[in-house]
Full PDB file with SEQRES, HELIX, SHEET, SSBOND, CRYST1, ORIGX, SCALE, CONECT and MASTER records, all heavy atoms in Angstrom:
SEQRES   1 A   41  ILE ARG GLU GLY ASN PHE ASP GLU GLU ILE ALA ASN THR          
SEQRES   2 A   41  LEU VAL SER PHE GLN THR HIS LEU ALA PHE ASP THR SER          
SEQRES   3 A   41  LEU ILE LEU PHE ILE THR ALA ALA PHE ASN ARG SER THR          
SEQRES   4 A   41  PHE LYS                                                      
HELIX    1 AA1 ASP A    7  THR A   13  1                                   7    
HELIX    2 AA2 SER A   16  GLN A   18  5                                   3    
HELIX    3 AA3 LEU A   21  ASP A   24  1                                   4    
HELIX    4 AA4 ASN A   36  THR A   39  1                                   4    
CRYST1    1.000    1.000    1.000  90.00  90.00  90.00 P 1           1          
ORIGX1      1.000000  0.000000  0.000000        0.00000                         
ORIGX2      0.000000  1.000000  0.000000        0.00000                         
ORIGX3      0.000000  0.000000  1.000000        0.00000                         
SCALE1      1.000000  0.000000  0.000000        0.00000                         
SCALE2      0.000000  1.000000  0.000000        0.00000                         
SCALE3      0.000000  0.000000  1.000000        0.00000                         
ATOM      1  N   ILE A   1       0.823  -1.207   0.000  1.00  0.00           N  
ATOM      2  CA  ILE A   1       0.004   0.003   0.001  1.00  0.00           C  
ATOM      3  C   ILE A   1       0.856   1.261   0.002  1.00  0.00           C  
ATOM      4  O   ILE A   1       0.539   2.250  -0.637  1.00  0.00           O  
ATOM      5  CB  ILE A   1      -0.942  -0.006   1.216  1.00  0.00           C  
ATOM      6  CG1 ILE A   1      -1.924  -1.174   1.091  1.00  0.00           C  
ATOM      7  CG2 ILE A   1      -1.683   1.304   1.360  1.00  0.00           C  
ATOM      8  CD1 ILE A   1      -2.818  -1.314   2.290  1.00  0.00           C  
ATOM      9  N   ARG A   2       1.964   1.212   0.750  1.00  0.00           N  
ATOM     10  CA  ARG A   2       2.804   2.391   0.845  1.00  0.00           C  
ATOM     11  C   ARG A   2       4.223   1.941   1.174  1.00  0.00           C  
ATOM     12  O   ARG A   2       4.444   1.277   2.187  1.00  0.00           O  
ATOM     13  CB  ARG A   2       2.265   3.332   1.924  1.00  0.00           C  
ATOM     14  CG  ARG A   2       2.741   4.754   1.792  1.00  0.00           C  
ATOM     15  CD  ARG A   2       1.831   5.747   2.500  1.00  0.00           C  
ATOM     16  NE  ARG A   2       1.865   5.729   3.929  1.00  0.00           N  
ATOM     17  CZ  ARG A   2       0.885   5.252   4.706  1.00  0.00           C  
ATOM     18  NH1 ARG A   2      -0.197   4.747   4.147  1.00  0.00           N  
ATOM     19  NH2 ARG A   2       0.979   5.290   6.015  1.00  0.00           N  
ATOM     20  N   GLU A   3       5.163   2.267   0.318  1.00  0.00           N  
ATOM     21  CA  GLU A   3       6.530   1.846   0.525  1.00  0.00           C  
ATOM     22  C   GLU A   3       7.309   2.922   1.273  1.00  0.00           C  
ATOM     23  O   GLU A   3       7.086   4.123   1.056  1.00  0.00           O  
ATOM     24  CB  GLU A   3       7.195   1.571  -0.839  1.00  0.00           C  
ATOM     25  CG  GLU A   3       8.484   0.788  -0.742  1.00  0.00           C  
ATOM     26  CD  GLU A   3       9.008   0.336  -2.105  1.00  0.00           C  
ATOM     27  OE1 GLU A   3       8.221  -0.256  -2.870  1.00  0.00           O  
ATOM     28  OE2 GLU A   3      10.209   0.610  -2.389  1.00  0.00           O  
ATOM     29  N   GLY A   4       8.176   2.500   2.196  1.00  0.00           N  
ATOM     30  CA  GLY A   4       9.004   3.470   2.905  1.00  0.00           C  
ATOM     31  C   GLY A   4       9.249   3.073   4.349  1.00  0.00           C  
ATOM     32  O   GLY A   4       8.667   2.106   4.858  1.00  0.00           O  
ATOM     33  N   ASN A   5      10.133   3.818   5.006  1.00  0.00           N  
ATOM     34  CA  ASN A   5      10.459   3.604   6.422  1.00  0.00           C  
ATOM     35  C   ASN A   5       9.527   4.476   7.263  1.00  0.00           C  
ATOM     36  O   ASN A   5       9.620   5.705   7.234  1.00  0.00           O  
ATOM     37  CB  ASN A   5      11.920   3.985   6.667  1.00  0.00           C  
ATOM     38  CG  ASN A   5      12.340   3.780   8.114  1.00  0.00           C  
ATOM     39  OD1 ASN A   5      11.510   3.806   9.024  1.00  0.00           O  
ATOM     40  ND2 ASN A   5      13.632   3.605   8.334  1.00  0.00           N  
ATOM     41  N   PHE A   6       8.644   3.827   8.024  1.00  0.00           N  
ATOM     42  CA  PHE A   6       7.671   4.549   8.850  1.00  0.00           C  
ATOM     43  C   PHE A   6       7.854   4.258  10.339  1.00  0.00           C  
ATOM     44  O   PHE A   6       6.915   4.344  11.116  1.00  0.00           O  
ATOM     45  CB  PHE A   6       6.240   4.198   8.421  1.00  0.00           C  
ATOM     46  CG  PHE A   6       5.979   4.448   6.954  1.00  0.00           C  
ATOM     47  CD1 PHE A   6       5.687   3.399   6.101  1.00  0.00           C  
ATOM     48  CD2 PHE A   6       6.026   5.726   6.434  1.00  0.00           C  
ATOM     49  CE1 PHE A   6       5.461   3.613   4.760  1.00  0.00           C  
ATOM     50  CE2 PHE A   6       5.789   5.961   5.078  1.00  0.00           C  
ATOM     51  CZ  PHE A   6       5.507   4.890   4.237  1.00  0.00           C  
ATOM     52  N   ASP A   7       9.083   3.892  10.728  1.00  0.00           N  
ATOM     53  CA  ASP A   7       9.349   3.557  12.140  1.00  0.00           C  
ATOM     54  C   ASP A   7       8.910   4.675  13.076  1.00  0.00           C  
ATOM     55  O   ASP A   7       8.227   4.439  14.084  1.00  0.00           O  
ATOM     56  CB  ASP A   7      10.843   3.287  12.349  1.00  0.00           C  
ATOM     57  CG  ASP A   7      11.299   1.956  11.746  1.00  0.00           C  
ATOM     58  OD1 ASP A   7      10.444   1.237  11.205  1.00  0.00           O  
ATOM     59  OD2 ASP A   7      12.500   1.663  11.822  1.00  0.00           O  
ATOM     60  N   GLU A   8       9.340   5.898  12.782  1.00  0.00           N  
ATOM     61  CA  GLU A   8       9.033   7.034  13.659  1.00  0.00           C  
ATOM     62  C   GLU A   8       7.527   7.303  13.710  1.00  0.00           C  
ATOM     63  O   GLU A   8       6.973   7.589  14.778  1.00  0.00           O  
ATOM     64  CB  GLU A   8       9.766   8.286  13.173  1.00  0.00           C  
ATOM     65  CG  GLU A   8      11.283   8.240  13.333  1.00  0.00           C  
ATOM     66  CD  GLU A   8      11.726   8.376  14.787  1.00  0.00           C  
ATOM     67  OE1 GLU A   8      10.874   8.697  15.642  1.00  0.00           O  
ATOM     68  OE2 GLU A   8      12.924   8.146  15.054  1.00  0.00           O  
ATOM     69  N   GLU A   9       6.875   7.200  12.561  1.00  0.00           N  
ATOM     70  CA  GLU A   9       5.434   7.465  12.521  1.00  0.00           C  
ATOM     71  C   GLU A   9       4.672   6.428  13.353  1.00  0.00           C  
ATOM     72  O   GLU A   9       3.744   6.769  14.098  1.00  0.00           O  
ATOM     73  CB  GLU A   9       4.942   7.428  11.064  1.00  0.00           C  
ATOM     74  CG  GLU A   9       3.510   7.911  10.890  1.00  0.00           C  
ATOM     75  CD  GLU A   9       3.121   8.058   9.441  1.00  0.00           C  
ATOM     76  OE1 GLU A   9       4.018   8.070   8.562  1.00  0.00           O  
ATOM     77  OE2 GLU A   9       1.908   8.157   9.174  1.00  0.00           O  
ATOM     78  N   ILE A  10       5.085   5.174  13.247  1.00  0.00           N  
ATOM     79  CA  ILE A  10       4.432   4.127  14.036  1.00  0.00           C  
ATOM     80  C   ILE A  10       4.743   4.295  15.513  1.00  0.00           C  
ATOM     81  O   ILE A  10       3.877   4.112  16.374  1.00  0.00           O  
ATOM     82  CB  ILE A  10       4.838   2.726  13.532  1.00  0.00           C  
ATOM     83  CG1 ILE A  10       4.222   2.480  12.146  1.00  0.00           C  
ATOM     84  CG2 ILE A  10       4.405   1.638  14.514  1.00  0.00           C  
ATOM     85  CD1 ILE A  10       4.605   1.195  11.511  1.00  0.00           C  
ATOM     86  N   ALA A  11       5.987   4.664  15.834  1.00  0.00           N  
ATOM     87  CA  ALA A  11       6.349   4.899  17.241  1.00  0.00           C  
ATOM     88  C   ALA A  11       5.434   5.940  17.867  1.00  0.00           C  
ATOM     89  O   ALA A  11       5.019   5.806  19.026  1.00  0.00           O  
ATOM     90  CB  ALA A  11       7.812   5.337  17.331  1.00  0.00           C  
ATOM     91  N   ASN A  12       5.082   6.955  17.114  1.00  0.00           N  
ATOM     92  CA  ASN A  12       4.214   8.015  17.630  1.00  0.00           C  
ATOM     93  C   ASN A  12       2.781   7.547  17.843  1.00  0.00           C  
ATOM     94  O   ASN A  12       2.022   8.196  18.576  1.00  0.00           O  
ATOM     95  CB  ASN A  12       4.208   9.220  16.667  1.00  0.00           C  
ATOM     96  CG  ASN A  12       5.522   9.977  16.713  1.00  0.00           C  
ATOM     97  OD1 ASN A  12       6.224   9.954  17.717  1.00  0.00           O  
ATOM     98  ND2 ASN A  12       5.874  10.621  15.603  1.00  0.00           N  
ATOM     99  N   THR A  13       2.404   6.430  17.227  1.00  0.00           N  
ATOM    100  CA  THR A  13       1.036   5.927  17.430  1.00  0.00           C  
ATOM    101  C   THR A  13       0.926   5.068  18.691  1.00  0.00           C  
ATOM    102  O   THR A  13      -0.189   4.753  19.117  1.00  0.00           O  
ATOM    103  CB  THR A  13       0.568   5.070  16.227  1.00  0.00           C  
ATOM    104  OG1 THR A  13       1.277   3.813  16.210  1.00  0.00           O  
ATOM    105  CG2 THR A  13       0.749   5.777  14.914  1.00  0.00           C  
ATOM    106  N   LEU A  14       2.048   4.696  19.279  1.00  0.00           N  
ATOM    107  CA  LEU A  14       2.054   3.812  20.444  1.00  0.00           C  
ATOM    108  C   LEU A  14       2.169   4.629  21.725  1.00  0.00           C  
ATOM    109  O   LEU A  14       2.722   5.719  21.731  1.00  0.00           O  
ATOM    110  CB  LEU A  14       3.218   2.813  20.348  1.00  0.00           C  
ATOM    111  CG  LEU A  14       3.268   1.965  19.078  1.00  0.00           C  
ATOM    112  CD1 LEU A  14       4.519   1.093  19.069  1.00  0.00           C  
ATOM    113  CD2 LEU A  14       2.023   1.093  18.941  1.00  0.00           C  
ATOM    114  N   VAL A  15       1.644   4.065  22.820  1.00  0.00           N  
ATOM    115  CA  VAL A  15       1.756   4.765  24.102  1.00  0.00           C  
ATOM    116  C   VAL A  15       3.222   4.891  24.485  1.00  0.00           C  
ATOM    117  O   VAL A  15       4.070   4.113  24.036  1.00  0.00           O  
ATOM    118  CB  VAL A  15       0.952   4.050  25.211  1.00  0.00           C  
ATOM    119  CG1 VAL A  15      -0.538   4.072  24.900  1.00  0.00           C  
ATOM    120  CG2 VAL A  15       1.438   2.612  25.410  1.00  0.00           C  
ATOM    121  N   SER A  16       3.540   5.853  25.332  1.00  0.00           N  
ATOM    122  CA  SER A  16       4.921   6.286  25.551  1.00  0.00           C  
ATOM    123  C   SER A  16       5.885   5.163  25.932  1.00  0.00           C  
ATOM    124  O   SER A  16       7.028   5.147  25.482  1.00  0.00           O  
ATOM    125  CB  SER A  16       4.955   7.391  26.601  1.00  0.00           C  
ATOM    126  OG  SER A  16       4.408   6.926  27.834  1.00  0.00           O  
ATOM    127  N   PHE A  17       5.445   4.225  26.767  1.00  0.00           N  
ATOM    128  CA  PHE A  17       6.384   3.190  27.228  1.00  0.00           C  
ATOM    129  C   PHE A  17       6.547   2.055  26.228  1.00  0.00           C  
ATOM    130  O   PHE A  17       7.320   1.116  26.465  1.00  0.00           O  
ATOM    131  CB  PHE A  17       5.958   2.640  28.601  1.00  0.00           C  
ATOM    132  CG  PHE A  17       4.665   1.866  28.583  1.00  0.00           C  
ATOM    133  CD1 PHE A  17       4.649   0.499  28.358  1.00  0.00           C  
ATOM    134  CD2 PHE A  17       3.456   2.529  28.782  1.00  0.00           C  
ATOM    135  CE1 PHE A  17       3.455  -0.209  28.357  1.00  0.00           C  
ATOM    136  CE2 PHE A  17       2.260   1.830  28.782  1.00  0.00           C  
ATOM    137  CZ  PHE A  17       2.258   0.460  28.572  1.00  0.00           C  
ATOM    138  N   GLN A  18       5.838   2.117  25.079  1.00  0.00           N  
ATOM    139  CA  GLN A  18       5.960   1.056  24.080  1.00  0.00           C  
ATOM    140  C   GLN A  18       6.421   1.561  22.712  1.00  0.00           C  
ATOM    141  O   GLN A  18       6.389   0.816  21.739  1.00  0.00           O  
ATOM    142  CB  GLN A  18       4.630   0.314  23.922  1.00  0.00           C  
ATOM    143  CG  GLN A  18       4.275  -0.553  25.127  1.00  0.00           C  
ATOM    144  CD  GLN A  18       3.105  -1.487  24.855  1.00  0.00           C  
ATOM    145  OE1 GLN A  18       2.106  -1.073  24.295  1.00  0.00           O  
ATOM    146  NE2 GLN A  18       3.235  -2.725  25.244  1.00  0.00           N  
ATOM    147  N   THR A  19       6.868   2.798  22.643  1.00  0.00           N  
ATOM    148  CA  THR A  19       7.287   3.333  21.345  1.00  0.00           C  
ATOM    149  C   THR A  19       8.445   2.535  20.737  1.00  0.00           C  
ATOM    150  O   THR A  19       8.580   2.469  19.513  1.00  0.00           O  
ATOM    151  CB  THR A  19       7.716   4.804  21.470  1.00  0.00           C  
ATOM    152  OG1 THR A  19       8.748   4.916  22.450  1.00  0.00           O  
ATOM    153  CG2 THR A  19       6.532   5.683  21.871  1.00  0.00           C  
ATOM    154  N   HIS A  20       9.248   1.904  21.578  1.00  0.00           N  
ATOM    155  CA  HIS A  20      10.395   1.138  21.092  1.00  0.00           C  
ATOM    156  C   HIS A  20       9.978  -0.046  20.234  1.00  0.00           C  
ATOM    157  O   HIS A  20      10.781  -0.560  19.432  1.00  0.00           O  
ATOM    158  CB  HIS A  20      11.236   0.639  22.286  1.00  0.00           C  
ATOM    159  CG  HIS A  20      10.518  -0.353  23.138  1.00  0.00           C  
ATOM    160  ND1 HIS A  20      10.690  -1.719  23.009  1.00  0.00           N  
ATOM    161  CD2 HIS A  20       9.602  -0.189  24.136  1.00  0.00           C  
ATOM    162  CE1 HIS A  20       9.916  -2.348  23.887  1.00  0.00           C  
ATOM    163  NE2 HIS A  20       9.250  -1.446  24.590  1.00  0.00           N  
ATOM    164  N   LEU A  21       8.727  -0.483  20.355  1.00  0.00           N  
ATOM    165  CA  LEU A  21       8.272  -1.637  19.567  1.00  0.00           C  
ATOM    166  C   LEU A  21       8.294  -1.367  18.073  1.00  0.00           C  
ATOM    167  O   LEU A  21       8.422  -2.291  17.266  1.00  0.00           O  
ATOM    168  CB  LEU A  21       6.854  -2.047  20.006  1.00  0.00           C  
ATOM    169  CG  LEU A  21       6.701  -2.524  21.440  1.00  0.00           C  
ATOM    170  CD1 LEU A  21       5.251  -2.844  21.755  1.00  0.00           C  
ATOM    171  CD2 LEU A  21       7.587  -3.730  21.699  1.00  0.00           C  
ATOM    172  N   ALA A  22       8.191  -0.102  17.703  1.00  0.00           N  
ATOM    173  CA  ALA A  22       8.268   0.245  16.285  1.00  0.00           C  
ATOM    174  C   ALA A  22       9.647  -0.058  15.696  1.00  0.00           C  
ATOM    175  O   ALA A  22       9.766  -0.298  14.493  1.00  0.00           O  
ATOM    176  CB  ALA A  22       7.931   1.720  16.084  1.00  0.00           C  
ATOM    177  N   PHE A  23      10.657  -0.080  16.547  1.00  0.00           N  
ATOM    178  CA  PHE A  23      12.037  -0.297  16.105  1.00  0.00           C  
ATOM    179  C   PHE A  23      12.534  -1.708  16.417  1.00  0.00           C  
ATOM    180  O   PHE A  23      13.416  -2.215  15.725  1.00  0.00           O  
ATOM    181  CB  PHE A  23      12.979   0.718  16.774  1.00  0.00           C  
ATOM    182  CG  PHE A  23      12.520   2.140  16.650  1.00  0.00           C  
ATOM    183  CD1 PHE A  23      11.807   2.757  17.676  1.00  0.00           C  
ATOM    184  CD2 PHE A  23      12.780   2.860  15.499  1.00  0.00           C  
ATOM    185  CE1 PHE A  23      11.372   4.069  17.570  1.00  0.00           C  
ATOM    186  CE2 PHE A  23      12.362   4.176  15.379  1.00  0.00           C  
ATOM    187  CZ  PHE A  23      11.645   4.788  16.413  1.00  0.00           C  
ATOM    188  N   ASP A  24      11.980  -2.331  17.456  1.00  0.00           N  
ATOM    189  CA  ASP A  24      12.537  -3.592  17.971  1.00  0.00           C  
ATOM    190  C   ASP A  24      11.783  -4.833  17.517  1.00  0.00           C  
ATOM    191  O   ASP A  24      12.090  -5.936  17.964  1.00  0.00           O  
ATOM    192  CB  ASP A  24      12.554  -3.557  19.510  1.00  0.00           C  
ATOM    193  CG  ASP A  24      13.464  -2.473  20.039  1.00  0.00           C  
ATOM    194  OD1 ASP A  24      14.329  -2.005  19.281  1.00  0.00           O  
ATOM    195  OD2 ASP A  24      13.311  -2.083  21.217  1.00  0.00           O  
ATOM    196  N   THR A  25      10.790  -4.683  16.651  1.00  0.00           N  
ATOM    197  CA  THR A  25      10.054  -5.834  16.137  1.00  0.00           C  
ATOM    198  C   THR A  25      10.373  -6.046  14.661  1.00  0.00           C  
ATOM    199  O   THR A  25      10.791  -5.119  13.959  1.00  0.00           O  
ATOM    200  CB  THR A  25       8.532  -5.656  16.309  1.00  0.00           C  
ATOM    201  OG1 THR A  25       8.140  -4.422  15.705  1.00  0.00           O  
ATOM    202  CG2 THR A  25       8.139  -5.659  17.775  1.00  0.00           C  
ATOM    203  N   SER A  26      10.153  -7.259  14.203  1.00  0.00           N  
ATOM    204  CA  SER A  26      10.380  -7.581  12.791  1.00  0.00           C  
ATOM    205  C   SER A  26       9.255  -7.045  11.917  1.00  0.00           C  
ATOM    206  O   SER A  26       9.491  -6.595  10.795  1.00  0.00           O  
ATOM    207  CB  SER A  26      10.493  -9.096  12.596  1.00  0.00           C  
ATOM    208  OG  SER A  26      11.529  -9.616  13.408  1.00  0.00           O  
ATOM    209  N   LEU A  27       8.072  -7.156  12.419  1.00  0.00           N  
ATOM    210  CA  LEU A  27       6.912  -6.559  11.747  1.00  0.00           C  
ATOM    211  C   LEU A  27       5.815  -6.331  12.766  1.00  0.00           C  
ATOM    212  O   LEU A  27       5.784  -6.989  13.810  1.00  0.00           O  
ATOM    213  CB  LEU A  27       6.424  -7.414  10.567  1.00  0.00           C  
ATOM    214  CG  LEU A  27       5.945  -8.844  10.795  1.00  0.00           C  
ATOM    215  CD1 LEU A  27       4.455  -8.884  11.121  1.00  0.00           C  
ATOM    216  CD2 LEU A  27       6.184  -9.685   9.541  1.00  0.00           C  
ATOM    217  N   ILE A  28       4.948  -5.385  12.457  1.00  0.00           N  
ATOM    218  CA  ILE A  28       3.788  -5.122  13.297  1.00  0.00           C  
ATOM    219  C   ILE A  28       2.532  -5.401  12.481  1.00  0.00           C  
ATOM    220  O   ILE A  28       2.378  -4.872  11.377  1.00  0.00           O  
ATOM    221  CB  ILE A  28       3.776  -3.671  13.818  1.00  0.00           C  
ATOM    222  CG1 ILE A  28       4.916  -3.482  14.821  1.00  0.00           C  
ATOM    223  CG2 ILE A  28       2.442  -3.336  14.482  1.00  0.00           C  
ATOM    224  CD1 ILE A  28       4.973  -2.114  15.473  1.00  0.00           C  
ATOM    225  N   LEU A  29       1.683  -6.256  13.015  1.00  0.00           N  
ATOM    226  CA  LEU A  29       0.408  -6.600  12.383  1.00  0.00           C  
ATOM    227  C   LEU A  29      -0.691  -5.724  12.937  1.00  0.00           C  
ATOM    228  O   LEU A  29      -0.769  -5.488  14.149  1.00  0.00           O  
ATOM    229  CB  LEU A  29       0.062  -8.070  12.637  1.00  0.00           C  
ATOM    230  CG  LEU A  29       0.883  -9.091  11.843  1.00  0.00           C  
ATOM    231  CD1 LEU A  29       1.078 -10.346  12.675  1.00  0.00           C  
ATOM    232  CD2 LEU A  29       0.188  -9.425  10.541  1.00  0.00           C  
ATOM    233  N   PHE A  30      -1.558  -5.241  12.059  1.00  0.00           N  
ATOM    234  CA  PHE A  30      -2.701  -4.427  12.442  1.00  0.00           C  
ATOM    235  C   PHE A  30      -3.973  -5.209  12.084  1.00  0.00           C  
ATOM    236  O   PHE A  30      -4.212  -5.504  10.915  1.00  0.00           O  
ATOM    237  CB  PHE A  30      -2.725  -3.092  11.682  1.00  0.00           C  
ATOM    238  CG  PHE A  30      -1.462  -2.285  11.835  1.00  0.00           C  
ATOM    239  CD1 PHE A  30      -0.379  -2.488  10.979  1.00  0.00           C  
ATOM    240  CD2 PHE A  30      -1.354  -1.313  12.820  1.00  0.00           C  
ATOM    241  CE1 PHE A  30       0.777  -1.737  11.106  1.00  0.00           C  
ATOM    242  CE2 PHE A  30      -0.203  -0.552  12.941  1.00  0.00           C  
ATOM    243  CZ  PHE A  30       0.882  -0.762  12.091  1.00  0.00           C  
ATOM    244  N   ILE A  31      -4.757  -5.554  13.098  1.00  0.00           N  
ATOM    245  CA  ILE A  31      -6.056  -6.205  12.869  1.00  0.00           C  
ATOM    246  C   ILE A  31      -7.112  -5.130  12.901  1.00  0.00           C  
ATOM    247  O   ILE A  31      -7.269  -4.425  13.905  1.00  0.00           O  
ATOM    248  CB  ILE A  31      -6.333  -7.282  13.926  1.00  0.00           C  
ATOM    249  CG1 ILE A  31      -5.203  -8.321  13.973  1.00  0.00           C  
ATOM    250  CG2 ILE A  31      -7.675  -7.956  13.651  1.00  0.00           C  
ATOM    251  CD1 ILE A  31      -5.344  -9.344  15.092  1.00  0.00           C  
ATOM    252  N   THR A  32      -7.835  -4.977  11.797  1.00  0.00           N  
ATOM    253  CA  THR A  32      -8.867  -3.954  11.719  1.00  0.00           C  
ATOM    254  C   THR A  32     -10.222  -4.613  11.478  1.00  0.00           C  
ATOM    255  O   THR A  32     -10.287  -5.756  11.025  1.00  0.00           O  
ATOM    256  CB  THR A  32      -8.584  -2.946  10.584  1.00  0.00           C  
ATOM    257  OG1 THR A  32      -8.733  -3.604   9.318  1.00  0.00           O  
ATOM    258  CG2 THR A  32      -7.181  -2.376  10.695  1.00  0.00           C  
ATOM    259  N   ALA A  33     -11.276  -3.889  11.766  1.00  0.00           N  
ATOM    260  CA  ALA A  33     -12.640  -4.421  11.595  1.00  0.00           C  
ATOM    261  C   ALA A  33     -13.465  -3.493  10.730  1.00  0.00           C  
ATOM    262  O   ALA A  33     -13.547  -2.290  10.993  1.00  0.00           O  
ATOM    263  CB  ALA A  33     -13.312  -4.613  12.956  1.00  0.00           C  
ATOM    264  N   ALA A  34     -14.064  -4.064   9.681  1.00  0.00           N  
ATOM    265  CA  ALA A  34     -15.063  -3.360   8.867  1.00  0.00           C  
ATOM    266  C   ALA A  34     -16.410  -3.770   9.460  1.00  0.00           C  
ATOM    267  O   ALA A  34     -17.010  -4.770   9.061  1.00  0.00           O  
ATOM    268  CB  ALA A  34     -14.951  -3.752   7.396  1.00  0.00           C  
ATOM    269  N   PHE A  35     -16.868  -3.013  10.455  1.00  0.00           N  
ATOM    270  CA  PHE A  35     -17.957  -3.450  11.322  1.00  0.00           C  
ATOM    271  C   PHE A  35     -19.250  -3.781  10.582  1.00  0.00           C  
ATOM    272  O   PHE A  35     -19.980  -4.687  10.981  1.00  0.00           O  
ATOM    273  CB  PHE A  35     -18.223  -2.382  12.388  1.00  0.00           C  
ATOM    274  CG  PHE A  35     -17.079  -2.148  13.314  1.00  0.00           C  
ATOM    275  CD1 PHE A  35     -16.350  -0.967  13.265  1.00  0.00           C  
ATOM    276  CD2 PHE A  35     -16.688  -3.122  14.220  1.00  0.00           C  
ATOM    277  CE1 PHE A  35     -15.278  -0.755  14.107  1.00  0.00           C  
ATOM    278  CE2 PHE A  35     -15.614  -2.914  15.078  1.00  0.00           C  
ATOM    279  CZ  PHE A  35     -14.898  -1.735  15.011  1.00  0.00           C  
ATOM    280  N   ASN A  36     -19.516  -3.082   9.499  1.00  0.00           N  
ATOM    281  CA  ASN A  36     -20.791  -3.284   8.813  1.00  0.00           C  
ATOM    282  C   ASN A  36     -20.941  -4.695   8.255  1.00  0.00           C  
ATOM    283  O   ASN A  36     -22.049  -5.176   8.055  1.00  0.00           O  
ATOM    284  CB  ASN A  36     -20.950  -2.266   7.670  1.00  0.00           C  
ATOM    285  CG  ASN A  36     -22.365  -2.269   7.114  1.00  0.00           C  
ATOM    286  OD1 ASN A  36     -23.330  -2.289   7.864  1.00  0.00           O  
ATOM    287  ND2 ASN A  36     -22.492  -2.278   5.799  1.00  0.00           N  
ATOM    288  N   ARG A  37     -19.829  -5.379   8.011  1.00  0.00           N  
ATOM    289  CA  ARG A  37     -19.916  -6.761   7.523  1.00  0.00           C  
ATOM    290  C   ARG A  37     -20.590  -7.666   8.554  1.00  0.00           C  
ATOM    291  O   ARG A  37     -21.126  -8.701   8.198  1.00  0.00           O  
ATOM    292  CB  ARG A  37     -18.517  -7.306   7.230  1.00  0.00           C  
ATOM    293  CG  ARG A  37     -17.871  -6.745   5.992  1.00  0.00           C  
ATOM    294  CD  ARG A  37     -16.551  -7.471   5.732  1.00  0.00           C  
ATOM    295  NE  ARG A  37     -15.656  -6.641   4.955  1.00  0.00           N  
ATOM    296  CZ  ARG A  37     -14.349  -6.790   4.909  1.00  0.00           C  
ATOM    297  NH1 ARG A  37     -13.769  -7.751   5.623  1.00  0.00           N  
ATOM    298  NH2 ARG A  37     -13.604  -5.991   4.167  1.00  0.00           N  
ATOM    299  N   SER A  38     -20.522  -7.276   9.793  1.00  0.00           N  
ATOM    300  CA  SER A  38     -21.132  -8.063  10.873  1.00  0.00           C  
ATOM    301  C   SER A  38     -22.413  -7.434  11.408  1.00  0.00           C  
ATOM    302  O   SER A  38     -23.404  -8.120  11.663  1.00  0.00           O  
ATOM    303  CB  SER A  38     -20.116  -8.245  12.011  1.00  0.00           C  
ATOM    304  OG  SER A  38     -20.624  -9.038  13.047  1.00  0.00           O  
ATOM    305  N   THR A  39     -22.408  -6.102  11.559  1.00  0.00           N  
ATOM    306  CA  THR A  39     -23.545  -5.437  12.217  1.00  0.00           C  
ATOM    307  C   THR A  39     -24.802  -5.395  11.347  1.00  0.00           C  
ATOM    308  O   THR A  39     -25.894  -5.248  11.884  1.00  0.00           O  
ATOM    309  CB  THR A  39     -23.176  -4.006  12.648  1.00  0.00           C  
ATOM    310  OG1 THR A  39     -22.744  -3.266  11.509  1.00  0.00           O  
ATOM    311  CG2 THR A  39     -22.073  -4.024  13.693  1.00  0.00           C  
ATOM    312  N   PHE A  40     -24.662  -5.491  10.024  1.00  0.00           N  
ATOM    313  CA  PHE A  40     -25.878  -5.476   9.194  1.00  0.00           C  
ATOM    314  C   PHE A  40     -26.793  -6.648   9.560  1.00  0.00           C  
ATOM    315  O   PHE A  40     -28.010  -6.560   9.466  1.00  0.00           O  
ATOM    316  CB  PHE A  40     -25.521  -5.520   7.698  1.00  0.00           C  
ATOM    317  CG  PHE A  40     -25.305  -6.900   7.140  1.00  0.00           C  
ATOM    318  CD1 PHE A  40     -26.380  -7.659   6.680  1.00  0.00           C  
ATOM    319  CD2 PHE A  40     -24.037  -7.446   7.062  1.00  0.00           C  
ATOM    320  CE1 PHE A  40     -26.176  -8.945   6.165  1.00  0.00           C  
ATOM    321  CE2 PHE A  40     -23.827  -8.711   6.550  1.00  0.00           C  
ATOM    322  CZ  PHE A  40     -24.906  -9.465   6.103  1.00  0.00           C  
ATOM    323  N   LYS A  41     -26.184  -7.755  10.012  1.00  0.00           N  
ATOM    324  CA  LYS A  41     -26.972  -8.939  10.382  1.00  0.00           C  
ATOM    325  C   LYS A  41     -27.227  -8.997  11.880  1.00  0.00           C  
ATOM    326  O   LYS A  41     -28.353  -9.278  12.305  1.00  0.00           O  
ATOM    327  CB  LYS A  41     -26.237 -10.206   9.939  1.00  0.00           C  
ATOM    328  CG  LYS A  41     -26.981 -11.495  10.308  1.00  0.00           C  
ATOM    329  CD  LYS A  41     -26.252 -12.733   9.805  1.00  0.00           C  
ATOM    330  CE  LYS A  41     -27.024 -13.997  10.180  1.00  0.00           C  
ATOM    331  NZ  LYS A  41     -26.331 -15.231   9.715  1.00  0.00           N  
TER     332      LYS A  41                                                      
MASTER        0    0    0    4    0    0    0    6  331    1    0    4          
END                                                                             
């Protein structure tokens, strides 16, 4: 979706004591929900 180094941007999305995870992990997975797929029923 978007190529580039976003370590700093991701670090800023994490709470203060976990910002290091943006640099110290191999990858970060984001689980998102498109709620309408479930709530319509």
